[in-house]
Amino acid sequence: MECKITIDAERCKGCGLCVGVCPKNGIIISNCSNKAGYFPAQAVACDCTGCAMCALVCPDAVIEVYCDDGADAESGNKSKPILIKEKA
């Protein structure tokens, strides 16, 4: 299963909670600030497990985790990505 992290950089305050809980070190704090002057979290290339711990600890709910179950890649039938519900 292939998973991807998306972070709304303009709403992120760069608290770093997500950085500390990612088991694959797939999130860092950016060197560039957003419009509000915060240095937001930024997803980096990694082998995301889709655990969604980052989305669960985010106090501002700006992180979403998407996973593609890759259903039947041999036949060409591609499944739609599954959004892991944050703070479920």
PDB file of N, CA and C in Angstrom:
ATOM      1  N   MET A   1       0.844  -1.169   0.000  1.00  0.00           N
ATOM      2  CA  MET A   1       0.000   0.000   0.000  1.00  0.00           C
ATOM      3  C   MET A   1       0.894   1.238   0.000  1.00  0.00           C
ATOM      4  N   GLU A   2       0.612   2.147  -0.894  1.00  0.00           N
ATOM      5  CA  GLU A   2       1.379   3.384  -1.000  1.00  0.00           C
ATOM      6  C   GLU A   2       0.613   4.507  -0.320  1.00  0.00           C
ATOM      7  N   CYS A   3       1.289   5.225   0.573  1.00  0.00           N
ATOM      8  CA  CYS A   3       0.632   6.301   1.315  1.00  0.00           C
ATOM      9  C   CYS A   3       1.355   7.622   1.109  1.00  0.00           C
ATOM     10  N   LYS A   4       0.597   8.712   1.252  1.00  0.00           N
ATOM     11  CA  LYS A   4       1.134  10.050   1.033  1.00  0.00           C
ATOM     12  C   LYS A   4       0.598  10.990   2.103  1.00  0.00           C
ATOM     13  N   ILE A   5       1.454  11.892   2.561  1.00  0.00           N
ATOM     14  CA  ILE A   5       1.087  12.881   3.568  1.00  0.00           C
ATOM     15  C   ILE A   5       0.935  14.232   2.882  1.00  0.00           C
ATOM     16  N   THR A   6      -0.154  14.939   3.171  1.00  0.00           N
ATOM     17  CA  THR A   6      -0.293  16.313   2.696  1.00  0.00           C
ATOM     18  C   THR A   6      -0.473  17.223   3.905  1.00  0.00           C
ATOM     19  N   ILE A   7       0.200  18.361   3.859  1.00  0.00           N
ATOM     20  CA  ILE A   7       0.159  19.320   4.957  1.00  0.00           C
ATOM     21  C   ILE A   7      -0.219  20.684   4.392  1.00  0.00           C
ATOM     22  N   ASP A   8      -1.213  21.317   4.990  1.00  0.00           N
ATOM     23  CA  ASP A   8      -1.613  22.665   4.588  1.00  0.00           C
ATOM     24  C   ASP A   8      -0.617  23.643   5.223  1.00  0.00           C
ATOM     25  N   ALA A   9       0.406  24.001   4.469  1.00  0.00           N
ATOM     26  CA  ALA A   9       1.511  24.819   4.991  1.00  0.00           C
ATOM     27  C   ALA A   9       1.067  26.199   5.457  1.00  0.00           C
ATOM     28  N   GLU A  10       0.042  26.742   4.871  1.00  0.00           N
ATOM     29  CA  GLU A  10      -0.412  28.083   5.264  1.00  0.00           C
ATOM     30  C   GLU A  10      -1.131  28.076   6.611  1.00  0.00           C
ATOM     31  N   ARG A  11      -1.677  26.941   7.007  1.00  0.00           N
ATOM     32  CA  ARG A  11      -2.367  26.850   8.297  1.00  0.00           C
ATOM     33  C   ARG A  11      -1.492  26.230   9.383  1.00  0.00           C
ATOM     34  N   CYS A  12      -0.382  25.623   9.013  1.00  0.00           N
ATOM     35  CA  CYS A  12       0.505  24.954   9.969  1.00  0.00           C
ATOM     36  C   CYS A  12       1.307  25.979  10.767  1.00  0.00           C
ATOM     37  N   LYS A  13       1.396  25.757  12.073  1.00  0.00           N
ATOM     38  CA  LYS A  13       2.144  26.663  12.943  1.00  0.00           C
ATOM     39  C   LYS A  13       3.528  26.133  13.294  1.00  0.00           C
ATOM     40  N   GLY A  14       3.896  24.972  12.747  1.00  0.00           N
ATOM     41  CA  GLY A  14       5.243  24.437  12.938  1.00  0.00           C
ATOM     42  C   GLY A  14       5.543  23.986  14.351  1.00  0.00           C
ATOM     43  N   CYS A  15       4.564  23.440  15.049  1.00  0.00           N
ATOM     44  CA  CYS A  15       4.774  23.016  16.443  1.00  0.00           C
ATOM     45  C   CYS A  15       5.731  21.837  16.541  1.00  0.00           C
ATOM     46  N   GLY A  16       5.821  21.022  15.481  1.00  0.00           N
ATOM     47  CA  GLY A  16       6.759  19.904  15.455  1.00  0.00           C
ATOM     48  C   GLY A  16       6.256  18.611  16.060  1.00  0.00           C
ATOM     49  N   LEU A  17       5.019  18.580  16.531  1.00  0.00           N
ATOM     50  CA  LEU A  17       4.488  17.344  17.116  1.00  0.00           C
ATOM     51  C   LEU A  17       4.497  16.201  16.107  1.00  0.00           C
ATOM     52  N   CYS A  18       4.144  16.503  14.868  1.00  0.00           N
ATOM     53  CA  CYS A  18       4.104  15.478  13.826  1.00  0.00           C
ATOM     54  C   CYS A  18       5.492  14.924  13.518  1.00  0.00           C
ATOM     55  N   VAL A  19       6.496  15.781  13.605  1.00  0.00           N
ATOM     56  CA  VAL A  19       7.872  15.361  13.339  1.00  0.00           C
ATOM     57  C   VAL A  19       8.288  14.281  14.338  1.00  0.00           C
ATOM     58  N   GLY A  20       7.930  14.486  15.584  1.00  0.00           N
ATOM     59  CA  GLY A  20       8.329  13.562  16.640  1.00  0.00           C
ATOM     60  C   GLY A  20       7.642  12.214  16.605  1.00  0.00           C
ATOM     61  N   VAL A  21       6.433  12.126  16.036  1.00  0.00           N
ATOM     62  CA  VAL A  21       5.708  10.859  16.064  1.00  0.00           C
ATOM     63  C   VAL A  21       5.833  10.039  14.787  1.00  0.00           C
ATOM     64  N   CYS A  22       6.376  10.601  13.725  1.00  0.00           N
ATOM     65  CA  CYS A  22       6.486   9.864  12.454  1.00  0.00           C
ATOM     66  C   CYS A  22       7.528   8.749  12.583  1.00  0.00           C
ATOM     67  N   PRO A  23       7.099   7.480  12.432  1.00  0.00           N
ATOM     68  CA  PRO A  23       8.047   6.375  12.576  1.00  0.00           C
ATOM     69  C   PRO A  23       9.048   6.272  11.430  1.00  0.00           C
ATOM     70  N   LYS A  24       8.776   6.908  10.316  1.00  0.00           N
ATOM     71  CA  LYS A  24       9.656   6.855   9.145  1.00  0.00           C
ATOM     72  C   LYS A  24      10.420   8.157   8.916  1.00  0.00           C
ATOM     73  N   ASN A  25      10.329   9.101   9.854  1.00  0.00           N
ATOM     74  CA  ASN A  25      10.992  10.404   9.708  1.00  0.00           C
ATOM     75  C   ASN A  25      10.615  11.072   8.391  1.00  0.00           C
ATOM     76  N   GLY A  26       9.327  11.025   8.067  1.00  0.00           N
ATOM     77  CA  GLY A  26       8.839  11.556   6.803  1.00  0.00           C
ATOM     78  C   GLY A  26       8.377  12.994   6.852  1.00  0.00           C
ATOM     79  N   ILE A  27       8.570  13.658   7.999  1.00  0.00           N
ATOM     80  CA  ILE A  27       8.145  15.050   8.137  1.00  0.00           C
ATOM     81  C   ILE A  27       9.274  15.847   8.780  1.00  0.00           C
ATOM     82  N   ILE A  28       9.522  17.029   8.231  1.00  0.00           N
ATOM     83  CA  ILE A  28      10.527  17.935   8.778  1.00  0.00           C
ATOM     84  C   ILE A  28       9.899  19.320   8.936  1.00  0.00           C
ATOM     85  N   ILE A  29      10.592  20.205   9.601  1.00  0.00           N
ATOM     86  CA  ILE A  29      10.171  21.602   9.682  1.00  0.00           C
ATOM     87  C   ILE A  29      10.859  22.346   8.543  1.00  0.00           C
ATOM     88  N   SER A  30      10.075  23.065   7.774  1.00  0.00           N
ATOM     89  CA  SER A  30      10.569  23.773   6.596  1.00  0.00           C
ATOM     90  C   SER A  30      11.511  24.914   6.971  1.00  0.00           C
ATOM     91  N   ASN A  31      12.394  25.262   6.051  1.00  0.00           N
ATOM     92  CA  ASN A  31      13.287  26.415   6.211  1.00  0.00           C
ATOM     93  C   ASN A  31      12.617  27.714   5.753  1.00  0.00           C
ATOM     94  N   CYS A  32      11.466  27.589   5.093  1.00  0.00           N
ATOM     95  CA  CYS A  32      10.741  28.746   4.574  1.00  0.00           C
ATOM     96  C   CYS A  32       9.491  28.991   5.406  1.00  0.00           C
ATOM     97  N   SER A  33       9.229  30.225   5.717  1.00  0.00           N
ATOM     98  CA  SER A  33       8.049  30.544   6.519  1.00  0.00           C
ATOM     99  C   SER A  33       6.809  30.688   5.643  1.00  0.00           C
ATOM    100  N   ASN A  34       5.655  30.521   6.260  1.00  0.00           N
ATOM    101  CA  ASN A  34       4.400  30.745   5.552  1.00  0.00           C
ATOM    102  C   ASN A  34       4.001  32.217   5.694  1.00  0.00           C
ATOM    103  N   LYS A  35       2.841  32.592   5.200  1.00  0.00           N
ATOM    104  CA  LYS A  35       2.412  33.993   5.226  1.00  0.00           C
ATOM    105  C   LYS A  35       2.234  34.534   6.637  1.00  0.00           C
ATOM    106  N   ALA A  36       1.967  33.652   7.589  1.00  0.00           N
ATOM    107  CA  ALA A  36       1.773  34.072   8.983  1.00  0.00           C
ATOM    108  C   ALA A  36       3.107  34.177   9.738  1.00  0.00           C
ATOM    109  N   GLY A  37       4.202  33.793   9.094  1.00  0.00           N
ATOM    110  CA  GLY A  37       5.513  33.882   9.718  1.00  0.00           C
ATOM    111  C   GLY A  37       5.962  32.621  10.434  1.00  0.00           C
ATOM    112  N   TYR A  38       5.161  31.552  10.371  1.00  0.00           N
ATOM    113  CA  TYR A  38       5.527  30.278  10.988  1.00  0.00           C
ATOM    114  C   TYR A  38       6.355  29.447  10.017  1.00  0.00           C
ATOM    115  N   PHE A  39       7.180  28.573  10.552  1.00  0.00           N
ATOM    116  CA  PHE A  39       7.930  27.619   9.741  1.00  0.00           C
ATOM    117  C   PHE A  39       7.157  26.297   9.805  1.00  0.00           C
ATOM    118  N   PRO A  40       6.388  25.989   8.753  1.00  0.00           N
ATOM    119  CA  PRO A  40       5.483  24.847   8.800  1.00  0.00           C
ATOM    120  C   PRO A  40       6.191  23.504   8.631  1.00  0.00           C
ATOM    121  N   ALA A  41       5.464  22.464   8.996  1.00  0.00           N
ATOM    122  CA  ALA A  41       5.935  21.104   8.749  1.00  0.00           C
ATOM    123  C   ALA A  41       5.870  20.847   7.250  1.00  0.00           C
ATOM    124  N   GLN A  42       6.720  19.932   6.800  1.00  0.00           N
ATOM    125  CA  GLN A  42       6.800  19.626   5.373  1.00  0.00           C
ATOM    126  C   GLN A  42       7.035  18.128   5.226  1.00  0.00           C
ATOM    127  N   ALA A  43       6.250  17.485   4.386  1.00  0.00           N
ATOM    128  CA  ALA A  43       6.423  16.058   4.127  1.00  0.00           C
ATOM    129  C   ALA A  43       7.621  15.863   3.200  1.00  0.00           C
ATOM    130  N   VAL A  44       8.422  14.849   3.478  1.00  0.00           N
ATOM    131  CA  VAL A  44       9.562  14.515   2.636  1.00  0.00           C
ATOM    132  C   VAL A  44       9.367  13.100   2.097  1.00  0.00           C
ATOM    133  N   ALA A  45      10.102  12.781   1.055  1.00  0.00           N
ATOM    134  CA  ALA A  45       9.986  11.451   0.465  1.00  0.00           C
ATOM    135  C   ALA A  45      10.379  10.396   1.489  1.00  0.00           C
ATOM    136  N   CYS A  46       9.463   9.483   1.726  1.00  0.00           N
ATOM    137  CA  CYS A  46       9.732   8.384   2.649  1.00  0.00           C
ATOM    138  C   CYS A  46       8.799   7.236   2.302  1.00  0.00           C
ATOM    139  N   ASP A  47       8.965   6.140   2.987  1.00  0.00           N
ATOM    140  CA  ASP A  47       8.113   4.974   2.806  1.00  0.00           C
ATOM    141  C   ASP A  47       7.007   5.038   3.851  1.00  0.00           C
ATOM    142  N   CYS A  48       6.070   5.986   3.669  1.00  0.00           N
ATOM    143  CA  CYS A  48       4.998   6.237   4.636  1.00  0.00           C
ATOM    144  C   CYS A  48       4.196   4.962   4.871  1.00  0.00           C
ATOM    145  N   THR A  49       3.961   4.651   6.136  1.00  0.00           N
ATOM    146  CA  THR A  49       3.205   3.449   6.493  1.00  0.00           C
ATOM    147  C   THR A  49       1.708   3.693   6.534  1.00  0.00           C
ATOM    148  N   GLY A  50       1.290   4.947   6.542  1.00  0.00           N
ATOM    149  CA  GLY A  50      -0.127   5.270   6.616  1.00  0.00           C
ATOM    150  C   GLY A  50      -0.688   5.165   8.025  1.00  0.00           C
ATOM    151  N   CYS A  51       0.178   5.215   9.022  1.00  0.00           N
ATOM    152  CA  CYS A  51      -0.277   5.079  10.410  1.00  0.00           C
ATOM    153  C   CYS A  51      -1.123   6.271  10.850  1.00  0.00           C
ATOM    154  N   ALA A  52      -0.952   7.410  10.213  1.00  0.00           N
ATOM    155  CA  ALA A  52      -1.704   8.646  10.470  1.00  0.00           C
ATOM    156  C   ALA A  52      -1.481   9.221  11.858  1.00  0.00           C
ATOM    157  N   MET A  53      -0.399   8.841  12.517  1.00  0.00           N
ATOM    158  CA  MET A  53      -0.092   9.418  13.823  1.00  0.00           C
ATOM    159  C   MET A  53       0.117  10.918  13.708  1.00  0.00           C
ATOM    160  N   CYS A  54       0.713  11.366  12.607  1.00  0.00           N
ATOM    161  CA  CYS A  54       0.945  12.794  12.394  1.00  0.00           C
ATOM    162  C   CYS A  54      -0.377  13.554  12.374  1.00  0.00           C
ATOM    163  N   ALA A  55      -1.362  13.020  11.670  1.00  0.00           N
ATOM    164  CA  ALA A  55      -2.672  13.675  11.588  1.00  0.00           C
ATOM    165  C   ALA A  55      -3.386  13.657  12.936  1.00  0.00           C
ATOM    166  N   LEU A  56      -3.187  12.599  13.692  1.00  0.00           N
ATOM    167  CA  LEU A  56      -3.849  12.492  14.993  1.00  0.00           C
ATOM    168  C   LEU A  56      -3.303  13.482  16.016  1.00  0.00           C
ATOM    169  N   VAL A  57      -1.992  13.755  15.986  1.00  0.00           N
ATOM    170  CA  VAL A  57      -1.412  14.660  16.981  1.00  0.00           C
ATOM    171  C   VAL A  57      -1.464  16.127  16.563  1.00  0.00           C
ATOM    172  N   CYS A  58      -1.794  16.411  15.320  1.00  0.00           N
ATOM    173  CA  CYS A  58      -1.804  17.794  14.832  1.00  0.00           C
ATOM    174  C   CYS A  58      -2.910  18.593  15.513  1.00  0.00           C
ATOM    175  N   PRO A  59      -2.553  19.611  16.308  1.00  0.00           N
ATOM    176  CA  PRO A  59      -3.575  20.388  17.017  1.00  0.00           C
ATOM    177  C   PRO A  59      -4.429  21.258  16.098  1.00  0.00           C
ATOM    178  N   ASP A  60      -3.934  21.535  14.896  1.00  0.00           N
ATOM    179  CA  ASP A  60      -4.670  22.384  13.962  1.00  0.00           C
ATOM    180  C   ASP A  60      -5.345  21.602  12.838  1.00  0.00           C
ATOM    181  N   ALA A  61      -5.217  20.270  12.864  1.00  0.00           N
ATOM    182  CA  ALA A  61      -5.840  19.389  11.860  1.00  0.00           C
ATOM    183  C   ALA A  61      -5.496  19.811  10.437  1.00  0.00           C
ATOM    184  N   VAL A  62      -4.219  20.051  10.165  1.00  0.00           N
ATOM    185  CA  VAL A  62      -3.791  20.479   8.833  1.00  0.00           C
ATOM    186  C   VAL A  62      -3.124  19.354   8.049  1.00  0.00           C
ATOM    187  N   ILE A  63      -3.085  18.146   8.616  1.00  0.00           N
ATOM    188  CA  ILE A  63      -2.419  17.021   7.972  1.00  0.00           C
ATOM    189  C   ILE A  63      -3.445  15.989   7.540  1.00  0.00           C
ATOM    190  N   GLU A  64      -3.285  15.519   6.310  1.00  0.00           N
ATOM    191  CA  GLU A  64      -4.111  14.437   5.795  1.00  0.00           C
ATOM    192  C   GLU A  64      -3.198  13.340   5.274  1.00  0.00           C
ATOM    193  N   VAL A  65      -3.609  12.102   5.481  1.00  0.00           N
ATOM    194  CA  VAL A  65      -2.849  10.952   5.006  1.00  0.00           C
ATOM    195  C   VAL A  65      -3.720  10.204   4.010  1.00  0.00           C
ATOM    196  N   TYR A  66      -3.183   9.985   2.814  1.00  0.00           N
ATOM    197  CA  TYR A  66      -3.896   9.274   1.762  1.00  0.00           C
ATOM    198  C   TYR A  66      -3.164   7.978   1.473  1.00  0.00           C
ATOM    199  N   CYS A  67      -3.912   6.891   1.354  1.00  0.00           N
ATOM    200  CA  CYS A  67      -3.314   5.609   1.007  1.00  0.00           C
ATOM    201  C   CYS A  67      -4.014   5.034  -0.213  1.00  0.00           C
ATOM    202  N   ASP A  68      -3.218   4.464  -1.111  1.00  0.00           N
ATOM    203  CA  ASP A  68      -3.728   3.804  -2.294  1.00  0.00           C
ATOM    204  C   ASP A  68      -3.527   2.314  -2.074  1.00  0.00           C
ATOM    205  N   ASP A  69      -4.610   1.560  -2.060  1.00  0.00           N
ATOM    206  CA  ASP A  69      -4.475   0.133  -1.796  1.00  0.00           C
ATOM    207  C   ASP A  69      -3.947  -0.635  -2.996  1.00  0.00           C
ATOM    208  N   GLY A  70      -3.786   0.036  -4.151  1.00  0.00           N
ATOM    209  CA  GLY A  70      -3.171  -0.581  -5.327  1.00  0.00           C
ATOM    210  C   GLY A  70      -3.932  -1.784  -5.847  1.00  0.00           C
ATOM    211  N   ALA A  71      -5.222  -1.789  -5.725  1.00  0.00           N
ATOM    212  CA  ALA A  71      -6.037  -2.941  -6.108  1.00  0.00           C
ATOM    213  C   ALA A  71      -5.792  -3.364  -7.543  1.00  0.00           C
ATOM    214  N   ASP A  72      -5.376  -4.560  -7.692  1.00  0.00           N
ATOM    215  CA  ASP A  72      -5.213  -5.231  -8.981  1.00  0.00           C
ATOM    216  C   ASP A  72      -4.458  -4.394 -10.004  1.00  0.00           C
ATOM    217  N   ALA A  73      -3.217  -4.057  -9.699  1.00  0.00           N
ATOM    218  CA  ALA A  73      -2.389  -3.252 -10.595  1.00  0.00           C
ATOM    219  C   ALA A  73      -2.096  -3.991 -11.903  1.00  0.00           C
ATOM    220  N   GLU A  74      -2.096  -5.326 -11.886  1.00  0.00           N
ATOM    221  CA  GLU A  74      -1.811  -6.103 -13.090  1.00  0.00           C
ATOM    222  C   GLU A  74      -2.894  -5.951 -14.150  1.00  0.00           C
ATOM    223  N   SER A  75      -4.150  -5.860 -13.738  1.00  0.00           N
ATOM    224  CA  SER A  75      -5.239  -5.757 -14.701  1.00  0.00           C
ATOM    225  C   SER A  75      -5.514  -4.312 -15.109  1.00  0.00           C
ATOM    226  N   GLY A  76      -4.826  -3.356 -14.462  1.00  0.00           N
ATOM    227  CA  GLY A  76      -5.021  -1.958 -14.803  1.00  0.00           C
ATOM    228  C   GLY A  76      -6.139  -1.295 -14.033  1.00  0.00           C
ATOM    229  N   ASN A  77      -6.820  -2.034 -13.179  1.00  0.00           N
ATOM    230  CA  ASN A  77      -7.881  -1.459 -12.352  1.00  0.00           C
ATOM    231  C   ASN A  77      -7.261  -0.777 -11.157  1.00  0.00           C
ATOM    232  N   LYS A  78      -7.227   0.520 -11.188  1.00  0.00           N
ATOM    233  CA  LYS A  78      -6.610   1.294 -10.117  1.00  0.00           C
ATOM    234  C   LYS A  78      -7.689   1.737  -9.142  1.00  0.00           C
ATOM    235  N   SER A  79      -7.448   1.527  -7.881  1.00  0.00           N
ATOM    236  CA  SER A  79      -8.422   1.946  -6.878  1.00  0.00           C
ATOM    237  C   SER A  79      -8.228   3.420  -6.564  1.00  0.00           C
ATOM    238  N   LYS A  80      -9.245   4.023  -5.968  1.00  0.00           N
ATOM    239  CA  LYS A  80      -9.162   5.418  -5.547  1.00  0.00           C
ATOM    240  C   LYS A  80      -8.412   5.497  -4.227  1.00  0.00           C
ATOM    241  N   PRO A  81      -7.643   6.566  -4.010  1.00  0.00           N
ATOM    242  CA  PRO A  81      -6.956   6.727  -2.731  1.00  0.00           C
ATOM    243  C   PRO A  81      -7.956   6.788  -1.573  1.00  0.00           C
ATOM    244  N   ILE A  82      -7.544   6.252  -0.450  1.00  0.00           N
ATOM    245  CA  ILE A  82      -8.375   6.237   0.738  1.00  0.00           C
ATOM    246  C   ILE A  82      -7.865   7.336   1.675  1.00  0.00           C
ATOM    247  N   LEU A  83      -8.740   8.239   2.090  1.00  0.00           N
ATOM    248  CA  LEU A  83      -8.370   9.284   3.025  1.00  0.00           C
ATOM    249  C   LEU A  83      -8.494   8.712   4.428  1.00  0.00           C
ATOM    250  N   ILE A  84      -7.393   8.764   5.169  1.00  0.00           N
ATOM    251  CA  ILE A  84      -7.433   8.316   6.550  1.00  0.00           C
ATOM    252  C   ILE A  84      -8.032   9.449   7.364  1.00  0.00           C
ATOM    253  N   LYS A  85      -9.137   9.193   8.002  1.00  0.00           N
ATOM    254  CA  LYS A  85      -9.847  10.223   8.763  1.00  0.00           C
ATOM    255  C   LYS A  85      -9.012  10.695   9.933  1.00  0.00           C
ATOM    256  N   GLU A  86      -8.767  12.011   9.967  1.00  0.00           N
ATOM    257  CA  GLU A  86      -7.990  12.570  11.071  1.00  0.00           C
ATOM    258  C   GLU A  86      -8.846  12.670  12.326  1.00  0.00           C
ATOM    259  N   LYS A  87      -8.249  12.439  13.433  1.00  0.00           N
ATOM    260  CA  LYS A  87      -8.883  12.561  14.750  1.00  0.00           C
ATOM    261  C   LYS A  87     -10.220  11.834  14.805  1.00  0.00           C
ATOM    262  N   ALA A  88     -10.241  10.626  14.247  1.00  0.00           N
ATOM    263  CA  ALA A  88     -11.476   9.834  14.159  1.00  0.00           C
ATOM    264  C   ALA A  88     -11.996   9.408  15.499  1.00  0.00           C
TER     265      ALA A  88
END
